[in-house]
Every structure is written in structure tokens, then in C-alpha cells.
């Protein structure tokens, strides 16, 4: 399994798929599946039966996972690839487009 270069809380841009061009913050990373859940992106509707927590039932809208290869990190306004390099004995993430340290 490859080392993932994105973290929870990063702002990313979708570069492929139905939501191409939209941006959002990473809410959750599904490491085993190589997928991420992004706020406001890839919304799906799920029909739910009435239950104790939701006595009304109805249609619930939520974010579905998207493949991690279909997103790029935003550095300012531009999407950039992420690299790793050693700075002061520690491995840090950096934006390859601007060569700026991210962490």
C-alpha cells in the first residue's frame, strides 16, 4: 500500500469525474480503499425508513467517497502535486509547483 500524501483538513480540488472542478475540505480518509470523503462533493441521496433516531424517515443527503487519485491539493488557488523531503531531520510535505513546505 502506497503512502498517502493528503491529510484530513486539506483543501483539495477534484480533477476527474462528475464533480470535476469543485473544491472542498477532506473530512475523512479511507486508507484501505484509497478514497477520501470531501465536504460538499459527490453528494448522494439515501432513502431511509423511520427509526428511533429519525422518526420521520425520508431522503438523507450525504457525501460519498471519491478515489484519492481524482483529487489534487490546493496551494492558494492552484492545484499542485505533493512531494516529501527531509527538512531539519524530519520528513515534510511540500507543494511541487511552488516548492513551499505545507506542514
N, C-alpha and C. Protein backbone atom coordinates (compact mmCIF):
# COMPACT_ATOMS: atom_id res chain seq x y z
N UNK A 1 0.85 -1.18 0.00
CA UNK A 1 0.00 0.00 0.00
C UNK A 1 0.90 1.24 0.00
N UNK A 2 0.59 2.18 -0.86
CA UNK A 2 1.39 3.39 -1.00
C UNK A 2 1.11 4.37 0.13
N UNK A 3 2.10 5.20 0.44
CA UNK A 3 1.94 6.24 1.45
C UNK A 3 1.07 7.35 0.88
N UNK A 4 0.03 7.73 1.60
CA UNK A 4 -0.86 8.78 1.14
C UNK A 4 -0.27 10.14 1.48
N UNK A 5 -0.40 11.09 0.57
CA UNK A 5 0.22 12.39 0.75
C UNK A 5 -0.79 13.47 1.13
N UNK A 6 -2.05 13.10 1.30
CA UNK A 6 -3.09 14.04 1.73
C UNK A 6 -3.47 13.73 3.16
N UNK A 7 -3.94 14.76 3.86
CA UNK A 7 -4.34 14.60 5.25
C UNK A 7 -5.75 15.14 5.45
N UNK A 8 -6.37 14.73 6.55
CA UNK A 8 -7.66 15.26 6.93
C UNK A 8 -7.50 16.76 7.18
N UNK A 9 -8.43 17.56 6.62
CA UNK A 9 -8.37 19.00 6.78
C UNK A 9 -7.76 19.72 5.60
N UNK A 10 -7.09 19.00 4.69
CA UNK A 10 -6.52 19.62 3.49
C UNK A 10 -7.64 20.08 2.56
N UNK A 11 -7.42 21.20 1.88
CA UNK A 11 -8.35 21.67 0.86
C UNK A 11 -7.88 21.12 -0.48
N UNK A 12 -8.80 20.43 -1.17
CA UNK A 12 -8.44 19.76 -2.41
C UNK A 12 -9.39 20.16 -3.53
N UNK A 13 -8.95 19.91 -4.76
CA UNK A 13 -9.75 20.17 -5.95
C UNK A 13 -9.95 18.85 -6.68
N UNK A 14 -11.19 18.60 -7.14
CA UNK A 14 -11.48 17.38 -7.88
C UNK A 14 -11.05 17.59 -9.33
N UNK A 15 -10.23 16.68 -9.86
CA UNK A 15 -9.68 16.84 -11.20
C UNK A 15 -10.30 15.88 -12.22
N UNK A 16 -11.15 14.95 -11.76
CA UNK A 16 -11.77 14.00 -12.68
C UNK A 16 -13.11 13.54 -12.11
N UNK A 17 -14.02 13.16 -13.00
CA UNK A 17 -15.31 12.64 -12.56
C UNK A 17 -16.42 13.66 -12.71
N UNK A 18 -17.59 13.32 -12.18
CA UNK A 18 -18.78 14.16 -12.31
C UNK A 18 -18.63 15.50 -11.59
N UNK A 19 -17.86 15.55 -10.52
CA UNK A 19 -17.69 16.78 -9.74
C UNK A 19 -16.39 17.50 -10.09
N UNK A 20 -15.90 17.32 -11.31
CA UNK A 20 -14.64 17.93 -11.73
C UNK A 20 -14.70 19.44 -11.57
N UNK A 21 -13.64 20.00 -10.95
CA UNK A 21 -13.56 21.44 -10.76
C UNK A 21 -14.03 21.92 -9.40
N UNK A 22 -14.76 21.10 -8.66
CA UNK A 22 -15.24 21.53 -7.36
C UNK A 22 -14.16 21.34 -6.30
N UNK A 23 -14.23 22.15 -5.26
CA UNK A 23 -13.24 22.11 -4.19
C UNK A 23 -13.92 21.87 -2.86
N UNK A 24 -13.16 21.40 -1.90
CA UNK A 24 -13.69 21.17 -0.56
C UNK A 24 -12.61 20.68 0.37
N UNK A 25 -12.97 20.54 1.63
CA UNK A 25 -12.04 20.10 2.66
C UNK A 25 -12.21 18.60 2.88
N UNK A 26 -11.11 17.89 3.09
CA UNK A 26 -11.17 16.46 3.35
C UNK A 26 -11.73 16.23 4.75
N UNK A 27 -12.83 15.46 4.82
CA UNK A 27 -13.45 15.14 6.10
C UNK A 27 -12.91 13.83 6.67
N UNK A 28 -12.65 12.87 5.76
CA UNK A 28 -12.22 11.55 6.21
C UNK A 28 -11.42 10.88 5.10
N UNK A 29 -10.42 10.10 5.49
CA UNK A 29 -9.62 9.34 4.54
C UNK A 29 -9.84 7.86 4.81
N UNK A 30 -10.23 7.11 3.78
CA UNK A 30 -10.42 5.67 3.88
C UNK A 30 -9.14 5.02 3.32
N UNK A 31 -8.21 4.69 4.20
CA UNK A 31 -6.87 4.28 3.81
C UNK A 31 -6.89 2.97 3.02
N UNK A 32 -7.62 1.98 3.49
CA UNK A 32 -7.63 0.68 2.83
C UNK A 32 -8.23 0.71 1.43
N UNK A 33 -9.12 1.66 1.19
CA UNK A 33 -9.79 1.75 -0.11
C UNK A 33 -9.18 2.82 -1.02
N UNK A 34 -8.19 3.58 -0.52
CA UNK A 34 -7.60 4.72 -1.25
C UNK A 34 -8.67 5.71 -1.70
N UNK A 35 -9.58 6.06 -0.79
CA UNK A 35 -10.65 7.00 -1.09
C UNK A 35 -10.70 8.08 -0.02
N UNK A 36 -11.29 9.22 -0.38
CA UNK A 36 -11.47 10.32 0.57
C UNK A 36 -12.91 10.80 0.51
N UNK A 37 -13.38 11.37 1.61
CA UNK A 37 -14.69 12.00 1.66
C UNK A 37 -14.45 13.49 1.78
N UNK A 38 -15.02 14.26 0.84
CA UNK A 38 -14.78 15.70 0.76
C UNK A 38 -16.10 16.42 1.03
N UNK A 39 -16.04 17.48 1.83
CA UNK A 39 -17.23 18.24 2.19
C UNK A 39 -17.86 18.87 0.95
N UNK A 40 -19.14 18.58 0.72
CA UNK A 40 -19.90 19.19 -0.37
C UNK A 40 -19.64 18.60 -1.75
N UNK A 41 -18.89 17.52 -1.84
CA UNK A 41 -18.56 16.92 -3.14
C UNK A 41 -19.08 15.50 -3.20
N UNK A 42 -19.55 15.06 -4.37
CA UNK A 42 -20.06 13.71 -4.61
C UNK A 42 -21.23 13.39 -3.67
N UNK A 43 -22.21 14.28 -3.66
CA UNK A 43 -23.39 14.11 -2.80
C UNK A 43 -24.28 13.02 -3.36
N UNK A 44 -24.78 12.15 -2.47
CA UNK A 44 -25.72 11.09 -2.85
C UNK A 44 -26.93 11.17 -1.94
N UNK A 45 -28.07 10.70 -2.45
CA UNK A 45 -29.29 10.68 -1.66
C UNK A 45 -29.61 9.24 -1.27
N UNK A 46 -29.95 9.04 -0.01
CA UNK A 46 -30.25 7.72 0.51
C UNK A 46 -31.64 7.75 1.14
N UNK A 47 -32.47 6.80 0.76
CA UNK A 47 -33.82 6.70 1.31
C UNK A 47 -33.75 5.90 2.60
N UNK A 48 -34.30 6.47 3.70
CA UNK A 48 -34.24 5.82 5.00
C UNK A 48 -35.63 5.56 5.54
N UNK A 49 -35.76 4.43 6.21
CA UNK A 49 -37.02 4.10 6.89
C UNK A 49 -37.09 4.86 8.21
N UNK A 50 -38.26 5.08 8.73
CA UNK A 50 -38.36 5.69 10.06
C UNK A 50 -37.70 4.80 11.12
N UNK A 51 -36.99 5.43 12.06
CA UNK A 51 -36.33 4.70 13.13
C UNK A 51 -36.42 5.53 14.40
N UNK A 52 -35.80 5.04 15.47
CA UNK A 52 -35.84 5.77 16.74
C UNK A 52 -35.09 7.10 16.63
N UNK A 53 -33.94 7.10 15.92
CA UNK A 53 -33.18 8.33 15.77
C UNK A 53 -33.83 9.27 14.77
N UNK A 54 -34.47 8.73 13.76
CA UNK A 54 -35.09 9.52 12.70
C UNK A 54 -36.54 9.06 12.54
N UNK A 55 -37.46 9.54 13.39
CA UNK A 55 -38.83 9.03 13.35
C UNK A 55 -39.58 9.41 12.06
N UNK A 56 -39.15 10.47 11.39
CA UNK A 56 -39.81 10.90 10.17
C UNK A 56 -39.43 10.03 8.97
N UNK A 57 -38.16 9.57 8.93
CA UNK A 57 -37.68 8.85 7.76
C UNK A 57 -37.45 9.83 6.62
N UNK A 58 -37.41 9.35 5.38
CA UNK A 58 -37.29 10.23 4.24
C UNK A 58 -35.96 10.08 3.51
N UNK A 59 -35.58 11.15 2.82
CA UNK A 59 -34.38 11.14 1.99
C UNK A 59 -33.27 11.90 2.71
N UNK A 60 -32.12 11.24 2.89
CA UNK A 60 -30.97 11.84 3.56
C UNK A 60 -29.88 12.05 2.51
N UNK A 61 -29.30 13.25 2.46
CA UNK A 61 -28.25 13.55 1.50
C UNK A 61 -26.90 13.58 2.23
N UNK A 62 -25.91 12.88 1.69
CA UNK A 62 -24.59 12.84 2.32
C UNK A 62 -23.50 12.73 1.26
N UNK A 63 -22.25 12.89 1.70
CA UNK A 63 -21.11 12.79 0.79
C UNK A 63 -20.67 11.34 0.67
N UNK A 64 -20.38 10.92 -0.56
CA UNK A 64 -19.86 9.58 -0.81
C UNK A 64 -18.36 9.66 -1.06
N UNK A 65 -17.63 8.57 -0.85
CA UNK A 65 -16.18 8.60 -1.08
C UNK A 65 -15.84 8.80 -2.56
N UNK A 66 -14.68 9.39 -2.79
CA UNK A 66 -14.17 9.61 -4.14
C UNK A 66 -12.73 9.09 -4.16
N UNK A 67 -12.31 8.54 -5.29
CA UNK A 67 -10.97 7.98 -5.42
C UNK A 67 -9.92 9.06 -5.17
N UNK A 68 -8.90 8.72 -4.39
CA UNK A 68 -7.89 9.70 -4.00
C UNK A 68 -7.06 10.18 -5.19
N UNK A 69 -7.00 9.37 -6.25
CA UNK A 69 -6.24 9.78 -7.44
C UNK A 69 -6.97 10.84 -8.24
N UNK A 70 -8.23 11.09 -7.93
CA UNK A 70 -9.03 12.08 -8.65
C UNK A 70 -9.04 13.44 -7.97
N UNK A 71 -8.21 13.63 -6.95
CA UNK A 71 -8.14 14.93 -6.27
C UNK A 71 -6.69 15.41 -6.21
N UNK A 72 -6.52 16.74 -6.19
CA UNK A 72 -5.21 17.35 -6.03
C UNK A 72 -5.28 18.40 -4.94
N UNK A 73 -4.20 18.54 -4.21
CA UNK A 73 -4.12 19.52 -3.13
C UNK A 73 -4.13 20.93 -3.70
N UNK A 74 -4.85 21.84 -3.03
CA UNK A 74 -4.85 23.25 -3.43
C UNK A 74 -3.81 23.99 -2.60
N UNK A 75 -2.94 24.71 -3.29
CA UNK A 75 -1.96 25.58 -2.64
C UNK A 75 -2.28 26.99 -3.12
N UNK A 76 -3.04 27.73 -2.32
CA UNK A 76 -3.55 29.02 -2.77
C UNK A 76 -4.73 28.75 -3.70
N UNK A 77 -4.61 29.19 -4.96
CA UNK A 77 -5.67 28.95 -5.94
C UNK A 77 -5.31 27.85 -6.91
N UNK A 78 -4.06 27.40 -6.93
CA UNK A 78 -3.60 26.43 -7.92
C UNK A 78 -3.52 25.03 -7.33
N UNK A 79 -3.93 24.04 -8.11
CA UNK A 79 -3.78 22.64 -7.71
C UNK A 79 -2.32 22.23 -7.94
N UNK A 80 -1.79 21.47 -7.00
CA UNK A 80 -0.38 21.08 -7.08
C UNK A 80 -0.20 19.64 -6.63
N UNK A 81 0.87 19.03 -7.11
CA UNK A 81 1.25 17.71 -6.62
C UNK A 81 1.98 17.88 -5.30
N UNK A 82 2.02 16.81 -4.51
CA UNK A 82 2.63 16.86 -3.19
C UNK A 82 3.84 15.96 -3.18
N UNK A 83 4.96 16.48 -2.66
CA UNK A 83 6.17 15.68 -2.51
C UNK A 83 6.56 15.61 -1.05
N UNK A 84 7.62 14.84 -0.79
CA UNK A 84 8.12 14.70 0.58
C UNK A 84 9.62 14.91 0.54
N UNK A 85 10.13 15.70 1.48
CA UNK A 85 11.58 15.87 1.59
C UNK A 85 11.97 16.06 3.04
N UNK A 86 13.25 15.83 3.31
CA UNK A 86 13.76 15.91 4.66
C UNK A 86 14.20 17.35 4.94
N UNK A 87 13.62 17.93 6.02
CA UNK A 87 13.98 19.28 6.45
C UNK A 87 14.29 19.20 7.94
N UNK A 88 15.50 19.55 8.32
CA UNK A 88 15.95 19.50 9.72
C UNK A 88 15.76 18.12 10.34
N UNK A 89 16.01 17.07 9.57
CA UNK A 89 15.91 15.71 10.09
C UNK A 89 14.50 15.15 10.13
N UNK A 90 13.50 15.90 9.67
CA UNK A 90 12.12 15.43 9.65
C UNK A 90 11.60 15.42 8.22
N UNK A 91 10.72 14.47 7.94
CA UNK A 91 10.12 14.41 6.62
C UNK A 91 8.94 15.37 6.59
N UNK A 92 8.94 16.29 5.63
CA UNK A 92 7.89 17.30 5.49
C UNK A 92 7.24 17.17 4.12
N UNK A 93 5.98 17.55 4.04
CA UNK A 93 5.29 17.62 2.74
C UNK A 93 5.55 18.98 2.12
N UNK A 94 5.66 19.01 0.78
CA UNK A 94 5.83 20.29 0.11
C UNK A 94 5.06 20.30 -1.20
N UNK A 95 4.66 21.50 -1.63
CA UNK A 95 3.95 21.68 -2.89
C UNK A 95 4.99 21.71 -4.01
N UNK A 96 4.85 20.82 -4.98
CA UNK A 96 5.85 20.72 -6.04
C UNK A 96 5.81 21.94 -6.98
N UNK A 97 4.65 22.57 -7.11
CA UNK A 97 4.55 23.71 -8.01
C UNK A 97 5.27 24.94 -7.46
N UNK A 98 5.14 25.19 -6.16
CA UNK A 98 5.72 26.39 -5.55
C UNK A 98 6.94 26.08 -4.66
N UNK A 99 7.21 24.80 -4.41
CA UNK A 99 8.31 24.36 -3.54
C UNK A 99 8.15 24.89 -2.12
N UNK A 100 6.88 25.07 -1.68
CA UNK A 100 6.59 25.60 -0.35
C UNK A 100 6.30 24.44 0.61
N UNK A 101 6.83 24.51 1.82
CA UNK A 101 6.59 23.48 2.84
C UNK A 101 5.14 23.62 3.33
N UNK A 102 4.42 22.48 3.42
CA UNK A 102 3.00 22.52 3.77
C UNK A 102 2.77 22.32 5.26
N UNK A 103 3.60 21.56 5.94
CA UNK A 103 3.34 21.27 7.36
C UNK A 103 4.06 22.23 8.27
